[in-house]
Amino acid sequence: MKKKKNATQKRNKSVKTAVILFGAVLITTSLLGGTLAKYVSELGSAKDEARVAKWGITEETQTLDMFKTAYDSDAGTATNTVESKDKAKVIAPGTKGSVVLNPAISDQKLNNVEVAFKVNYAYGDFLSDSVYGKYLGKWASNADGTGFEWWPLRFKVYEYDEAAKDYTKVLYDGISTTDSGGATIVPEDGGVQAGKLNSAIKAAGASDTIYPNDSLDVKKNKLAKMGLKVEWQWPFERPETNSVDAVDGWDTVIGNRAAGLNTGDADMPRFALSMKYTAVQVD
């Protein structure tokens, strides 16, 4: 009987304990429920994205029309005094011409580019010689191939004048035979002149930095400023040298040598100017 009473008391205690624990759970749950309740607002999201800046300064046809297939006289007559028979460009005593060295980039590409860049001169066919202009073939002053190199071309180089908007500032003058006072000048020989031409192009170097927010006119002006104008001539006579007969003889040797060769022959006496332009992004 006593054992039964004790068992009943234990069960009663267990029930009380369970009730108390259940109540505690309810109270705790209620309190937690009050704690977890909150306001929720989305403050907004953030994102950033970038595309590649446009370059697009790609290769374009560059012109270098320094020489011609035919030349008329100084009088400007309709009859040519020098004319190629195979449509190859030619030079001869009495011929002359000019060319502007300036990179061609289309307006569309200049407008679309989104990074700053410069344009540089680079060597063309004569990279191994580090020159732009070069005499090629045989220019020996004697018919048998002996003598000295008779390089007859003379050059005058101009840079761009921003005020005049033209190539009028003389950098090198190997053509004039009189000075401003009328005194006679004997121009330097052909090898020196070719060297001065190459030095002028090397010195031009590169354009000013062209910025994406520059106007089209400003961009084109910066390209023009890096340019050069080159005048050339093979004088018909050179009285200032006091060696007219000798010069005529050297010219004749060169002309006769050309007559015995085909245009593509390695020995054909000729002058070539070759260059490239490269566009480089700057930071």
C-alpha atoms as a PDB file:
ATOM      1  CA  MET A   1       0.000   0.000   0.000  1.00  0.00           C
ATOM      2  CA  LYS A   2       2.841   2.256   0.881  1.00  0.00           C
ATOM      3  CA  LYS A   3       4.553   1.482  -2.422  1.00  0.00           C
ATOM      4  CA  LYS A   4       1.374   2.318  -4.326  1.00  0.00           C
ATOM      5  CA  LYS A   5       1.134   5.635  -2.519  1.00  0.00           C
ATOM      6  CA  ASN A   6       4.713   6.495  -3.341  1.00  0.00           C
ATOM      7  CA  ALA A   7       4.167   5.640  -7.007  1.00  0.00           C
ATOM      8  CA  THR A   8       1.105   7.877  -7.123  1.00  0.00           C
ATOM      9  CA  GLN A   9       3.040  10.748  -5.580  1.00  0.00           C
ATOM     10  CA  LYS A  10       5.830  10.317  -8.164  1.00  0.00           C
ATOM     11  CA  ARG A  11       3.327  10.408 -11.026  1.00  0.00           C
ATOM     12  CA  ASN A  12       1.738  13.541  -9.604  1.00  0.00           C
ATOM     13  CA  LYS A  13       5.151  15.193  -9.402  1.00  0.00           C
ATOM     14  CA  SER A  14       5.919  14.191 -12.983  1.00  0.00           C
ATOM     15  CA  VAL A  15       2.624  15.636 -14.186  1.00  0.00           C
ATOM     16  CA  LYS A  16       3.273  18.870 -12.279  1.00  0.00           C
ATOM     17  CA  THR A  17       6.766  19.043 -13.715  1.00  0.00           C
ATOM     18  CA  ALA A  18       5.455  18.482 -17.230  1.00  0.00           C
ATOM     19  CA  VAL A  19       2.803  21.173 -16.775  1.00  0.00           C
ATOM     20  CA  ILE A  20       5.397  23.610 -15.461  1.00  0.00           C
ATOM     21  CA  LEU A  21       7.770  22.861 -18.374  1.00  0.00           C
ATOM     22  CA  PHE A  22       4.941  23.217 -20.894  1.00  0.00           C
ATOM     23  CA  GLY A  23       4.020  26.570 -19.407  1.00  0.00           C
ATOM     24  CA  ALA A  24       7.608  27.676 -19.546  1.00  0.00           C
ATOM     25  CA  VAL A  25       7.774  26.695 -23.213  1.00  0.00           C
ATOM     26  CA  LEU A  26       4.608  28.680 -23.963  1.00  0.00           C
ATOM     27  CA  ILE A  27       5.947  31.724 -22.155  1.00  0.00           C
ATOM     28  CA  THR A  28       9.329  31.452 -23.896  1.00  0.00           C
ATOM     29  CA  THR A  29       7.691  31.001 -27.291  1.00  0.00           C
ATOM     30  CA  SER A  30       5.529  34.053 -26.681  1.00  0.00           C
ATOM     31  CA  LEU A  31       8.539  36.117 -25.692  1.00  0.00           C
ATOM     32  CA  LEU A  32      10.564  34.937 -28.688  1.00  0.00           C
ATOM     33  CA  GLY A  33       7.643  35.653 -30.961  1.00  0.00           C
ATOM     34  CA  GLY A  34       7.634  39.225 -29.787  1.00  0.00           C
ATOM     35  CA  THR A  35      11.396  39.482 -30.302  1.00  0.00           C
ATOM     36  CA  LEU A  36      11.401  38.089 -33.881  1.00  0.00           C
ATOM     37  CA  ALA A  37       8.659  40.380 -35.161  1.00  0.00           C
ATOM     38  CA  LYS A  38      10.265  43.290 -37.187  1.00  0.00           C
ATOM     39  CA  TYR A  39       9.888  45.837 -39.957  1.00  0.00           C
ATOM     40  CA  VAL A  40      11.451  44.784 -43.290  1.00  0.00           C
ATOM     41  CA  SER A  41      12.243  47.235 -46.093  1.00  0.00           C
ATOM     42  CA  GLU A  42      14.378  46.762 -49.239  1.00  0.00           C
ATOM     43  CA  LEU A  43      16.755  49.717 -49.508  1.00  0.00           C
ATOM     44  CA  GLY A  44      17.554  49.050 -53.157  1.00  0.00           C
ATOM     45  CA  SER A  45      20.129  47.033 -55.087  1.00  0.00           C
ATOM     46  CA  ALA A  46      23.487  47.981 -56.665  1.00  0.00           C
ATOM     47  CA  LYS A  47      25.206  46.859 -59.858  1.00  0.00           C
ATOM     48  CA  ASP A  48      27.984  48.129 -62.101  1.00  0.00           C
ATOM     49  CA  GLU A  49      28.968  47.016 -65.585  1.00  0.00           C
ATOM     50  CA  ALA A  50      31.395  48.235 -68.233  1.00  0.00           C
ATOM     51  CA  ARG A  51      31.938  47.489 -71.892  1.00  0.00           C
ATOM     52  CA  VAL A  52      35.245  47.710 -73.694  1.00  0.00           C
ATOM     53  CA  ALA A  53      36.150  51.217 -74.893  1.00  0.00           C
ATOM     54  CA  LYS A  54      36.077  51.514 -78.672  1.00  0.00           C
ATOM     55  CA  TRP A  55      39.375  51.461 -80.550  1.00  0.00           C
ATOM     56  CA  GLY A  56      38.703  50.803 -84.223  1.00  0.00           C
ATOM     57  CA  ILE A  57      41.794  52.611 -85.547  1.00  0.00           C
ATOM     58  CA  THR A  58      42.384  49.903 -88.125  1.00  0.00           C
ATOM     59  CA  GLU A  59      44.423  49.767 -91.300  1.00  0.00           C
ATOM     60  CA  GLU A  60      43.477  52.157 -94.083  1.00  0.00           C
ATOM     61  CA  THR A  61      44.900  52.801 -97.526  1.00  0.00           C
ATOM     62  CA  GLN A  62      47.774  55.269 -97.261  1.00  0.00           C
ATOM     63  CA  THR A  63      48.830  57.182-100.362  1.00  0.00           C
ATOM     64  CA  LEU A  64      52.351  58.306-101.207  1.00  0.00           C
ATOM     65  CA  ASP A  65      52.246  59.816-104.694  1.00  0.00           C
ATOM     66  CA  MET A  66      55.736  61.227-104.817  1.00  0.00           C
ATOM     67  CA  PHE A  67      56.514  60.359-108.426  1.00  0.00           C
ATOM     68  CA  LYS A  68      54.541  60.134-111.676  1.00  0.00           C
ATOM     69  CA  THR A  69      54.470  58.223-114.921  1.00  0.00           C
ATOM     70  CA  ALA A  70      54.643  61.420-116.995  1.00  0.00           C
ATOM     71  CA  TYR A  71      55.774  65.040-116.598  1.00  0.00           C
ATOM     72  CA  ASP A  72      55.177  68.104-118.699  1.00  0.00           C
ATOM     73  CA  SER A  73      57.476  71.091-118.987  1.00  0.00           C
ATOM     74  CA  ASP A  74      57.643  74.048-116.629  1.00  0.00           C
ATOM     75  CA  ALA A  75      55.620  75.981-119.185  1.00  0.00           C
ATOM     76  CA  GLY A  76      52.680  73.694-118.399  1.00  0.00           C
ATOM     77  CA  THR A  77      52.096  72.608-121.970  1.00  0.00           C
ATOM     78  CA  ALA A  78      49.810  69.711-122.770  1.00  0.00           C
ATOM     79  CA  THR A  79      52.714  67.747-124.243  1.00  0.00           C
ATOM     80  CA  ASN A  80      54.681  65.547-121.858  1.00  0.00           C
ATOM     81  CA  THR A  81      58.441  65.955-121.909  1.00  0.00           C
ATOM     82  CA  VAL A  82      59.003  62.750-119.890  1.00  0.00           C
ATOM     83  CA  GLU A  83      56.653  59.771-120.184  1.00  0.00           C
ATOM     84  CA  SER A  84      56.954  56.138-119.091  1.00  0.00           C
ATOM     85  CA  LYS A  85      56.398  53.473-121.761  1.00  0.00           C
ATOM     86  CA  ASP A  86      55.366  50.714-119.335  1.00  0.00           C
ATOM     87  CA  LYS A  87      53.337  52.821-116.856  1.00  0.00           C
ATOM     88  CA  ALA A  88      56.044  52.557-114.196  1.00  0.00           C
ATOM     89  CA  LYS A  89      56.740  55.805-112.348  1.00  0.00           C
ATOM     90  CA  VAL A  90      59.910  57.467-113.611  1.00  0.00           C
ATOM     91  CA  ILE A  91      62.389  60.241-112.811  1.00  0.00           C
ATOM     92  CA  ALA A  92      64.763  62.032-115.182  1.00  0.00           C
ATOM     93  CA  PRO A  93      66.665  65.313-115.498  1.00  0.00           C
ATOM     94  CA  GLY A  94      64.131  68.145-115.438  1.00  0.00           C
ATOM     95  CA  THR A  95      61.479  66.293-113.411  1.00  0.00           C
ATOM     96  CA  LYS A  96      60.206  67.423-110.043  1.00  0.00           C
ATOM     97  CA  GLY A  97      57.290  66.951-107.698  1.00  0.00           C
ATOM     98  CA  SER A  98      56.075  67.044-104.113  1.00  0.00           C
ATOM     99  CA  VAL A  99      54.210  64.904-101.613  1.00  0.00           C
ATOM    100  CA  VAL A 100      52.670  65.405 -98.166  1.00  0.00           C
ATOM    101  CA  LEU A 101      53.532  62.712 -95.654  1.00  0.00           C
ATOM    102  CA  ASN A 102      50.505  62.500 -93.398  1.00  0.00           C
ATOM    103  CA  PRO A 103      48.552  59.509 -92.027  1.00  0.00           C
ATOM    104  CA  ALA A 104      45.026  58.959 -93.314  1.00  0.00           C
ATOM    105  CA  ILE A 105      42.388  58.092 -90.680  1.00  0.00           C
ATOM    106  CA  SER A 106      38.729  58.366 -91.622  1.00  0.00           C
ATOM    107  CA  ASP A 107      36.465  60.889 -89.896  1.00  0.00           C
ATOM    108  CA  GLN A 108      34.253  58.044 -88.710  1.00  0.00           C
ATOM    109  CA  LYS A 109      37.117  56.311 -86.920  1.00  0.00           C
ATOM    110  CA  LEU A 110      38.353  59.566 -85.418  1.00  0.00           C
ATOM    111  CA  ASN A 111      34.854  60.292 -84.108  1.00  0.00           C
ATOM    112  CA  ASN A 112      34.273  56.795 -82.716  1.00  0.00           C
ATOM    113  CA  VAL A 113      37.546  56.142 -80.892  1.00  0.00           C
ATOM    114  CA  GLU A 114      37.145  56.288 -77.093  1.00  0.00           C
ATOM    115  CA  VAL A 115      40.753  56.183 -75.904  1.00  0.00           C
ATOM    116  CA  ALA A 116      43.660  58.601 -76.205  1.00  0.00           C
ATOM    117  CA  PHE A 117      46.308  57.689 -78.767  1.00  0.00           C
ATOM    118  CA  LYS A 118      49.273  58.895 -80.768  1.00  0.00           C
ATOM    119  CA  VAL A 119      50.298  58.177 -84.341  1.00  0.00           C
ATOM    120  CA  ASN A 120      53.962  57.389 -84.989  1.00  0.00           C
ATOM    121  CA  TYR A 121      56.099  57.160 -88.092  1.00  0.00           C
ATOM    122  CA  ALA A 122      57.593  53.689 -88.561  1.00  0.00           C
ATOM    123  CA  TYR A 123      60.073  52.310 -91.058  1.00  0.00           C
ATOM    124  CA  GLY A 124      58.646  50.579 -94.093  1.00  0.00           C
ATOM    125  CA  ASP A 125      60.623  48.448 -96.550  1.00  0.00           C
ATOM    126  CA  PHE A 126      63.988  49.689 -95.288  1.00  0.00           C
ATOM    127  CA  LEU A 127      63.660  48.826 -91.602  1.00  0.00           C
ATOM    128  CA  SER A 128      66.992  46.993 -91.614  1.00  0.00           C
ATOM    129  CA  ASP A 129      68.722  50.189 -92.806  1.00  0.00           C
ATOM    130  CA  SER A 130      66.767  52.466 -90.419  1.00  0.00           C
ATOM    131  CA  VAL A 131      65.856  54.797 -93.275  1.00  0.00           C
ATOM    132  CA  TYR A 132      62.690  55.894 -95.053  1.00  0.00           C
ATOM    133  CA  GLY A 133      64.147  57.021 -98.379  1.00  0.00           C
ATOM    134  CA  LYS A 134      66.852  55.161-100.259  1.00  0.00           C
ATOM    135  CA  TYR A 135      68.601  54.976-103.621  1.00  0.00           C
ATOM    136  CA  LEU A 136      68.353  51.486-105.098  1.00  0.00           C
ATOM    137  CA  GLY A 137      70.071  49.809-108.046  1.00  0.00           C
ATOM    138  CA  LYS A 138      73.285  50.960-109.707  1.00  0.00           C
ATOM    139  CA  TRP A 139      74.037  54.686-109.756  1.00  0.00           C
ATOM    140  CA  ALA A 140      77.767  54.510-110.569  1.00  0.00           C
ATOM    141  CA  SER A 141      78.950  57.607-112.426  1.00  0.00           C
ATOM    142  CA  ASN A 142      80.914  55.659-115.049  1.00  0.00           C
ATOM    143  CA  ALA A 143      79.409  53.382-117.676  1.00  0.00           C
ATOM    144  CA  ASP A 144      81.620  50.469-116.592  1.00  0.00           C
ATOM    145  CA  GLY A 145      80.203  50.630-113.069  1.00  0.00           C
ATOM    146  CA  THR A 146      83.189  52.395-111.539  1.00  0.00           C
ATOM    147  CA  GLY A 147      83.398  55.920-110.181  1.00  0.00           C
ATOM    148  CA  PHE A 148      81.234  57.380-107.451  1.00  0.00           C
ATOM    149  CA  GLU A 149      77.536  57.078-106.674  1.00  0.00           C
ATOM    150  CA  TRP A 150      75.806  59.788-108.705  1.00  0.00           C
ATOM    151  CA  TRP A 151      72.651  60.458-106.688  1.00  0.00           C
ATOM    152  CA  PRO A 152      71.023  63.417-108.474  1.00  0.00           C
ATOM    153  CA  LEU A 153      67.863  64.213-106.506  1.00  0.00           C
ATOM    154  CA  ARG A 154      67.522  67.327-104.373  1.00  0.00           C
ATOM    155  CA  PHE A 155      65.007  67.749-101.556  1.00  0.00           C
ATOM    156  CA  LYS A 156      63.236  70.478 -99.640  1.00  0.00           C
ATOM    157  CA  VAL A 157      61.247  69.625 -96.500  1.00  0.00           C
ATOM    158  CA  TYR A 158      58.497  71.691 -94.870  1.00  0.00           C
ATOM    159  CA  GLU A 159      56.625  71.296 -91.592  1.00  0.00           C
ATOM    160  CA  TYR A 160      53.062  72.379 -90.818  1.00  0.00           C
ATOM    161  CA  ASP A 161      52.360  76.014 -89.968  1.00  0.00           C
ATOM    162  CA  GLU A 162      49.243  76.204 -87.790  1.00  0.00           C
ATOM    163  CA  ALA A 163      48.669  79.869 -88.598  1.00  0.00           C
ATOM    164  CA  ALA A 164      48.806  79.269 -92.335  1.00  0.00           C
ATOM    165  CA  LYS A 165      47.090  75.862 -92.092  1.00  0.00           C
ATOM    166  CA  ASP A 166      49.627  74.604 -94.615  1.00  0.00           C
ATOM    167  CA  TYR A 167      53.114  73.153 -94.912  1.00  0.00           C
ATOM    168  CA  THR A 168      55.124  76.341 -95.302  1.00  0.00           C
ATOM    169  CA  LYS A 169      57.834  76.265 -92.596  1.00  0.00           C
ATOM    170  CA  VAL A 170      61.109  75.163 -94.154  1.00  0.00           C
ATOM    171  CA  LEU A 171      62.971  72.479 -92.209  1.00  0.00           C
ATOM    172  CA  TYR A 172      65.600  71.706 -94.820  1.00  0.00           C
ATOM    173  CA  ASP A 173      66.356  73.308 -98.176  1.00  0.00           C
ATOM    174  CA  GLY A 174      68.504  71.341-100.581  1.00  0.00           C
ATOM    175  CA  ILE A 175      66.937  72.856-103.698  1.00  0.00           C
ATOM    176  CA  SER A 176      67.512  76.618-103.593  1.00  0.00           C
ATOM    177  CA  THR A 177      70.597  77.812-105.457  1.00  0.00           C
ATOM    178  CA  THR A 178      70.509  81.421-104.214  1.00  0.00           C
ATOM    179  CA  ASP A 179      70.073  82.879-100.746  1.00  0.00           C
ATOM    180  CA  SER A 180      67.764  85.745 -99.745  1.00  0.00           C
ATOM    181  CA  GLY A 181      70.414  88.230-100.867  1.00  0.00           C
ATOM    182  CA  GLY A 182      70.845  86.659-104.288  1.00  0.00           C
ATOM    183  CA  ALA A 183      74.191  85.022-103.578  1.00  0.00           C
ATOM    184  CA  THR A 184      74.817  81.646-105.204  1.00  0.00           C
ATOM    185  CA  ILE A 185      74.366  78.506-103.113  1.00  0.00           C
ATOM    186  CA  VAL A 186      75.746  75.136-104.146  1.00  0.00           C
ATOM    187  CA  PRO A 187      73.363  72.543-102.699  1.00  0.00           C
ATOM    188  CA  GLU A 188      74.762  69.538-100.867  1.00  0.00           C
ATOM    189  CA  ASP A 189      75.375  66.337-102.791  1.00  0.00           C
ATOM    190  CA  GLY A 190      72.765  63.619-103.181  1.00  0.00           C
ATOM    191  CA  GLY A 191      73.931  61.366-100.369  1.00  0.00           C
ATOM    192  CA  VAL A 192      73.845  64.192 -97.834  1.00  0.00           C
ATOM    193  CA  GLN A 193      70.435  65.296 -99.076  1.00  0.00           C
ATOM    194  CA  ALA A 194      68.959  61.807 -98.734  1.00  0.00           C
ATOM    195  CA  GLY A 195      70.333  61.718 -95.195  1.00  0.00           C
ATOM    196  CA  LYS A 196      68.756  65.087 -94.368  1.00  0.00           C
ATOM    197  CA  LEU A 197      65.414  63.877 -95.743  1.00  0.00           C
ATOM    198  CA  ASN A 198      65.543  60.809 -93.510  1.00  0.00           C
ATOM    199  CA  SER A 199      66.556  62.877 -90.492  1.00  0.00           C
ATOM    200  CA  ALA A 200      63.611  65.239 -90.995  1.00  0.00           C
ATOM    201  CA  ILE A 201      61.142  62.348 -91.067  1.00  0.00           C
ATOM    202  CA  LYS A 202      62.728  60.775 -87.984  1.00  0.00           C
ATOM    203  CA  ALA A 203      62.530  64.095 -86.139  1.00  0.00           C
ATOM    204  CA  ALA A 204      58.816  64.414 -86.912  1.00  0.00           C
ATOM    205  CA  GLY A 205      58.400  61.290 -84.813  1.00  0.00           C
ATOM    206  CA  ALA A 206      54.793  61.253 -83.643  1.00  0.00           C
ATOM    207  CA  SER A 207      51.592  63.234 -83.358  1.00  0.00           C
ATOM    208  CA  ASP A 208      50.440  65.068 -80.256  1.00  0.00           C
ATOM    209  CA  THR A 209      48.184  62.959 -78.056  1.00  0.00           C
ATOM    210  CA  ILE A 210      44.730  62.736 -79.622  1.00  0.00           C
ATOM    211  CA  TYR A 211      42.076  62.621 -76.892  1.00  0.00           C
ATOM    212  CA  PRO A 212      38.638  61.052 -77.293  1.00  0.00           C
ATOM    213  CA  ASN A 213      36.900  64.300 -76.313  1.00  0.00           C
ATOM    214  CA  ASP A 214      38.855  66.392 -78.848  1.00  0.00           C
ATOM    215  CA  SER A 215      36.691  67.769 -81.627  1.00  0.00           C
ATOM    216  CA  LEU A 216      37.117  66.276 -85.078  1.00  0.00           C
ATOM    217  CA  ASP A 217      38.852  69.449 -86.262  1.00  0.00           C
ATOM    218  CA  VAL A 218      41.329  69.298 -83.376  1.00  0.00           C
ATOM    219  CA  LYS A 219      42.084  65.636 -84.056  1.00  0.00           C
ATOM    220  CA  LYS A 220      42.691  66.310 -87.744  1.00  0.00           C
ATOM    221  CA  ASN A 221      44.880  69.302 -86.921  1.00  0.00           C
ATOM    222  CA  LYS A 222      47.035  67.157 -84.622  1.00  0.00           C
ATOM    223  CA  LEU A 223      47.511  64.665 -87.440  1.00  0.00           C
ATOM    224  CA  ALA A 224      48.373  67.464 -89.865  1.00  0.00           C
ATOM    225  CA  LYS A 225      50.981  68.844 -87.439  1.00  0.00           C
ATOM    226  CA  MET A 226      52.933  65.585 -87.515  1.00  0.00           C
ATOM    227  CA  GLY A 227      53.018  65.678 -91.305  1.00  0.00           C
ATOM    228  CA  LEU A 228      55.724  66.906 -93.628  1.00  0.00           C
ATOM    229  CA  LYS A 229      55.760  68.176 -97.183  1.00  0.00           C
ATOM    230  CA  VAL A 230      58.632  66.965 -99.341  1.00  0.00           C
ATOM    231  CA  GLU A 231      59.589  68.676-102.593  1.00  0.00           C
ATOM    232  CA  TRP A 232      62.075  66.979-104.873  1.00  0.00           C
ATOM    233  CA  GLN A 233      63.731  67.673-108.196  1.00  0.00           C
ATOM    234  CA  TRP A 234      66.292  66.260-110.566  1.00  0.00           C
ATOM    235  CA  PRO A 235      67.725  69.514-111.944  1.00  0.00           C
ATOM    236  CA  PHE A 236      67.901  69.781-115.711  1.00  0.00           C
ATOM    237  CA  GLU A 237      71.073  71.850-115.401  1.00  0.00           C
ATOM    238  CA  ARG A 238      73.324  72.765-112.464  1.00  0.00           C
ATOM    239  CA  PRO A 239      75.187  75.941-113.463  1.00  0.00           C
ATOM    240  CA  GLU A 240      75.938  76.710-109.817  1.00  0.00           C
ATOM    241  CA  THR A 241      78.313  73.723-109.748  1.00  0.00           C
ATOM    242  CA  ASN A 242      80.507  75.100-112.552  1.00  0.00           C
ATOM    243  CA  SER A 243      80.576  71.500-113.816  1.00  0.00           C
ATOM    244  CA  VAL A 244      77.687  71.475-116.279  1.00  0.00           C
ATOM    245  CA  ASP A 245      79.355  69.186-118.816  1.00  0.00           C
ATOM    246  CA  ALA A 246      80.437  66.685-116.177  1.00  0.00           C
ATOM    247  CA  VAL A 247      76.964  66.609-114.633  1.00  0.00           C
ATOM    248  CA  ASP A 248      75.386  66.081-118.054  1.00  0.00           C
ATOM    249  CA  GLY A 249      77.740  63.158-118.568  1.00  0.00           C
ATOM    250  CA  TRP A 250      76.801  61.507-115.264  1.00  0.00           C
ATOM    251  CA  ASP A 251      73.100  61.976-115.972  1.00  0.00           C
ATOM    252  CA  THR A 252      73.572  60.384-119.394  1.00  0.00           C
ATOM    253  CA  VAL A 253      75.373  57.351-117.941  1.00  0.00           C
ATOM    254  CA  ILE A 254      72.452  56.736-115.589  1.00  0.00           C
ATOM    255  CA  GLY A 255      69.890  57.120-118.398  1.00  0.00           C
ATOM    256  CA  ASN A 256      71.770  54.717-120.660  1.00  0.00           C
ATOM    257  CA  ARG A 257      72.074  52.173-117.874  1.00  0.00           C
ATOM    258  CA  ALA A 258      68.300  52.314-117.327  1.00  0.00           C
ATOM    259  CA  ALA A 259      67.749  51.784-121.065  1.00  0.00           C
ATOM    260  CA  GLY A 260      69.527  48.440-120.904  1.00  0.00           C
ATOM    261  CA  LEU A 261      67.421  47.102-118.021  1.00  0.00           C
ATOM    262  CA  ASN A 262      63.826  46.136-117.354  1.00  0.00           C
ATOM    263  CA  THR A 263      61.755  47.914-114.725  1.00  0.00           C
ATOM    264  CA  GLY A 264      61.932  45.043-112.235  1.00  0.00           C
ATOM    265  CA  ASP A 265      65.682  44.437-112.537  1.00  0.00           C
ATOM    266  CA  ALA A 266      67.623  44.841-109.300  1.00  0.00           C
ATOM    267  CA  ASP A 267      70.240  47.030-111.014  1.00  0.00           C
ATOM    268  CA  MET A 268      67.647  49.502-112.352  1.00  0.00           C
ATOM    269  CA  PRO A 269      68.598  52.862-110.793  1.00  0.00           C
ATOM    270  CA  ARG A 270      65.705  54.208-108.742  1.00  0.00           C
ATOM    271  CA  PHE A 271      64.765  56.047-105.552  1.00  0.00           C
ATOM    272  CA  ALA A 272      62.125  54.796-103.129  1.00  0.00           C
ATOM    273  CA  LEU A 273      60.407  56.285-100.099  1.00  0.00           C
ATOM    274  CA  SER A 274      58.687  53.795 -97.813  1.00  0.00           C
ATOM    275  CA  MET A 275      57.071  54.200 -94.404  1.00  0.00           C
ATOM    276  CA  LYS A 276      54.345  52.993 -92.101  1.00  0.00           C
ATOM    277  CA  TYR A 277      52.162  54.749 -89.569  1.00  0.00           C
ATOM    278  CA  THR A 278      51.274  53.114 -86.254  1.00  0.00           C
ATOM    279  CA  ALA A 279      48.533  54.192 -83.840  1.00  0.00           C
ATOM    280  CA  VAL A 280      49.315  53.508 -80.161  1.00  0.00           C
ATOM    281  CA  GLN A 281      47.037  54.001 -77.146  1.00  0.00           C
ATOM    282  CA  VAL A 282      48.465  56.266 -74.434  1.00  0.00           C
ATOM    283  CA  ASP A 283      47.516  56.371 -70.767  1.00  0.00           C
END
